[in-house]
Protein backbone atom coordinates (compact mmCIF):
# COMPACT_ATOMS: atom_id res chain seq x y z
CA MET A 1 2.57 -5.04 -21.19
CA ALA A 2 5.64 -5.51 -19.02
CA LEU A 3 9.07 -4.02 -19.55
CA SER A 4 11.78 -6.21 -21.01
CA ASP A 5 14.18 -4.99 -18.30
CA PRO A 6 12.91 -4.48 -14.74
CA VAL A 7 12.96 -1.00 -13.28
CA ASP A 8 15.43 -0.37 -10.48
CA LEU A 9 13.25 0.60 -7.51
CA SER A 10 14.87 2.41 -4.61
CA ILE A 11 12.56 0.36 -2.36
CA SER A 12 13.60 -3.27 -1.90
CA SER A 13 11.14 -5.89 -3.10
CA ASP A 14 11.17 -7.52 0.37
CA TYR A 15 10.26 -4.22 2.03
CA LEU A 16 7.51 -3.62 -0.52
CA ALA A 17 6.18 -7.14 0.08
CA ARG A 18 5.95 -6.47 3.84
CA LEU A 19 4.21 -3.14 3.21
CA ILE A 20 1.72 -4.84 0.86
CA LEU A 21 0.89 -7.43 3.54
CA LYS A 22 0.34 -4.71 6.14
CA VAL A 23 -1.94 -2.75 3.81
CA ARG A 24 -3.90 -5.92 2.96
CA GLY A 25 -4.52 -6.32 6.68
CA LEU A 26 -6.00 -2.83 6.75
CA GLU A 27 -8.09 -3.35 3.62
CA GLY A 28 -9.98 -6.27 5.17
CA ARG A 29 -11.32 -4.21 8.04
CA GLU A 30 -14.73 -2.71 8.56
CA ALA A 31 -16.32 -0.26 10.96
CA VAL A 32 -16.80 -1.31 14.58
CA VAL A 33 -20.17 -2.97 15.12
CA ASP A 34 -19.90 -3.60 18.84
CA PRO A 35 -17.66 -0.99 20.47
CA GLN A 36 -18.52 -2.19 24.00
CA SER A 37 -17.91 -5.88 23.44
CA GLY A 38 -17.11 -7.48 26.77
CA SER A 39 -17.14 -11.06 25.60
CA ASN A 40 -14.25 -13.39 25.05
CA ALA A 41 -12.61 -12.94 21.62
CA THR A 42 -12.18 -16.70 21.26
CA ASP A 43 -15.89 -17.26 21.84
CA ASP A 44 -16.66 -14.63 19.17
CA ASN A 45 -14.46 -16.37 16.58
CA MET A 46 -12.05 -13.39 16.68
CA VAL A 47 -14.32 -11.20 14.51
CA ASP A 48 -13.26 -8.06 16.39
CA VAL A 49 -9.79 -8.21 14.80
CA LEU A 50 -11.42 -7.41 11.45
CA GLN A 51 -12.93 -4.17 12.76
CA GLU A 52 -11.42 -0.69 12.84
CA ASP A 53 -10.49 0.30 16.35
CA PRO A 54 -8.99 3.63 17.38
CA SER A 55 -6.63 1.82 19.74
CA ASP A 56 -5.29 -0.41 16.91
CA LEU A 57 -1.91 0.83 15.76
CA SER A 58 -1.83 -1.02 12.41
CA ARG A 59 -2.85 2.00 10.29
CA ALA A 60 -0.59 4.32 12.26
CA GLU A 61 2.29 1.90 11.71
CA VAL A 62 1.76 1.92 7.94
CA VAL A 63 1.52 5.73 7.94
CA ARG A 64 4.79 5.96 9.91
CA GLU A 65 6.51 3.56 7.54
CA ILE A 66 5.48 5.55 4.46
CA ARG A 67 6.42 8.84 6.13
CA GLY A 68 9.83 7.38 6.93
CA LEU A 69 10.60 6.85 3.25
CA ASN A 70 12.45 9.52 1.30
CA GLU A 71 10.74 11.66 -1.34
CA ARG A 72 11.78 9.41 -4.25
CA GLN A 73 10.53 6.26 -2.49
CA GLN A 74 7.17 7.86 -1.66
CA ALA A 75 6.84 8.96 -5.29
CA GLU A 76 7.62 5.40 -6.39
CA LEU A 77 4.76 4.08 -4.22
CA VAL A 78 2.38 6.55 -5.90
CA ALA A 79 3.76 5.61 -9.33
CA LEU A 80 3.27 1.91 -8.54
CA LEU A 81 -0.36 2.65 -7.63
CA TRP A 82 -0.92 4.53 -10.89
CA THR A 83 0.87 1.91 -12.99
CA GLY A 84 -0.96 -0.97 -11.30
CA ARG A 85 -4.25 0.79 -11.84
CA GLY A 86 -3.44 1.18 -15.54
CA ASP A 87 -3.16 4.98 -15.58
CA PHE A 88 0.39 4.80 -16.95
CA GLU A 89 2.42 2.29 -18.93
CA PRO A 90 5.58 0.66 -17.58
CA GLU A 91 7.63 2.39 -20.29
CA GLU A 92 6.66 5.73 -18.72
CA TRP A 93 8.07 4.77 -15.30
CA GLU A 94 10.53 7.63 -14.75
CA ALA A 95 8.04 10.20 -16.04
CA THR A 96 5.37 8.71 -13.75
CA VAL A 97 7.66 8.98 -10.71
CA ALA A 98 8.48 12.59 -11.66
CA LEU A 99 4.77 13.36 -12.04
CA ALA A 100 4.05 11.84 -8.62
CA ARG A 101 6.67 14.15 -7.11
CA ASP A 102 5.31 17.19 -8.96
CA ARG A 103 1.66 16.54 -8.12
CA LYS A 104 2.17 15.95 -4.41
CA ASP A 105 -0.29 18.28 -2.70
CA SER A 106 -1.12 16.25 0.39
CA PRO A 107 0.77 13.82 2.64
CA THR A 108 1.58 10.68 0.68
CA PRO A 109 0.36 8.16 3.31
CA GLY A 110 -3.12 9.71 3.37
CA TYR A 111 -3.30 9.82 -0.43
CA LEU A 112 -2.24 6.19 -0.78
CA LEU A 113 -4.45 4.79 1.98
CA ARG A 114 -7.54 6.39 0.46
CA HIS A 115 -7.35 3.81 -2.36
CA PRO A 116 -9.27 0.68 -1.36
CA LEU A 117 -7.27 -1.69 -3.61
CA LEU A 118 -3.87 -0.19 -2.82
CA ALA A 119 -2.09 -3.48 -2.07
CA GLU A 120 -3.38 -5.06 -5.27
CA TYR A 121 -2.41 -2.01 -7.33
CA TRP A 122 1.10 -2.02 -5.84
CA GLU A 123 1.50 -5.70 -6.61
CA GLU A 124 0.16 -5.30 -10.15
CA GLY A 125 2.28 -2.19 -10.72
CA ALA A 126 5.40 -4.02 -9.58
CA ALA A 127 4.62 -6.94 -11.91
CA ARG A 128 4.06 -4.56 -14.83
CA ILE A 129 7.48 -2.93 -14.34
CA GLY A 130 9.20 -6.31 -13.99
CA ILE A 131 9.64 -6.47 -10.21
CA ASN A 132 8.85 -9.76 -8.52
CA ILE A 133 7.19 -9.21 -5.14
CA PRO A 134 7.42 -12.24 -2.84
CA VAL A 135 3.92 -11.84 -1.35
CA ALA A 136 2.11 -14.87 0.07
């Protein structure tokens, strides 16, 4: 069930779309299988780009972006996760954001990135509250 009137997020839909794309890039990764690979990436069909690598700054970039948001915006990201997952209804939006603020007991980026379907939940949550996210 979607709201008849969209919620006014303090995060722009364009910014949220970029964040969703970055998180999707992280979600497709797996553990390193060949940490000493000395071959040419082109010859290996670029499979190494889909592996976690401590020197890759993608995750750190997402963490920095989330940390750079204010308290309300971070709570909205948590509320989008919960709403997209079906834990709360769109009509409960403000109460869900307030609950996200009240329940914060760990850094928000770590909490969010522990959810394997985060990007999908954000996108679904946004749709449920009437926000169109221009994600490709």
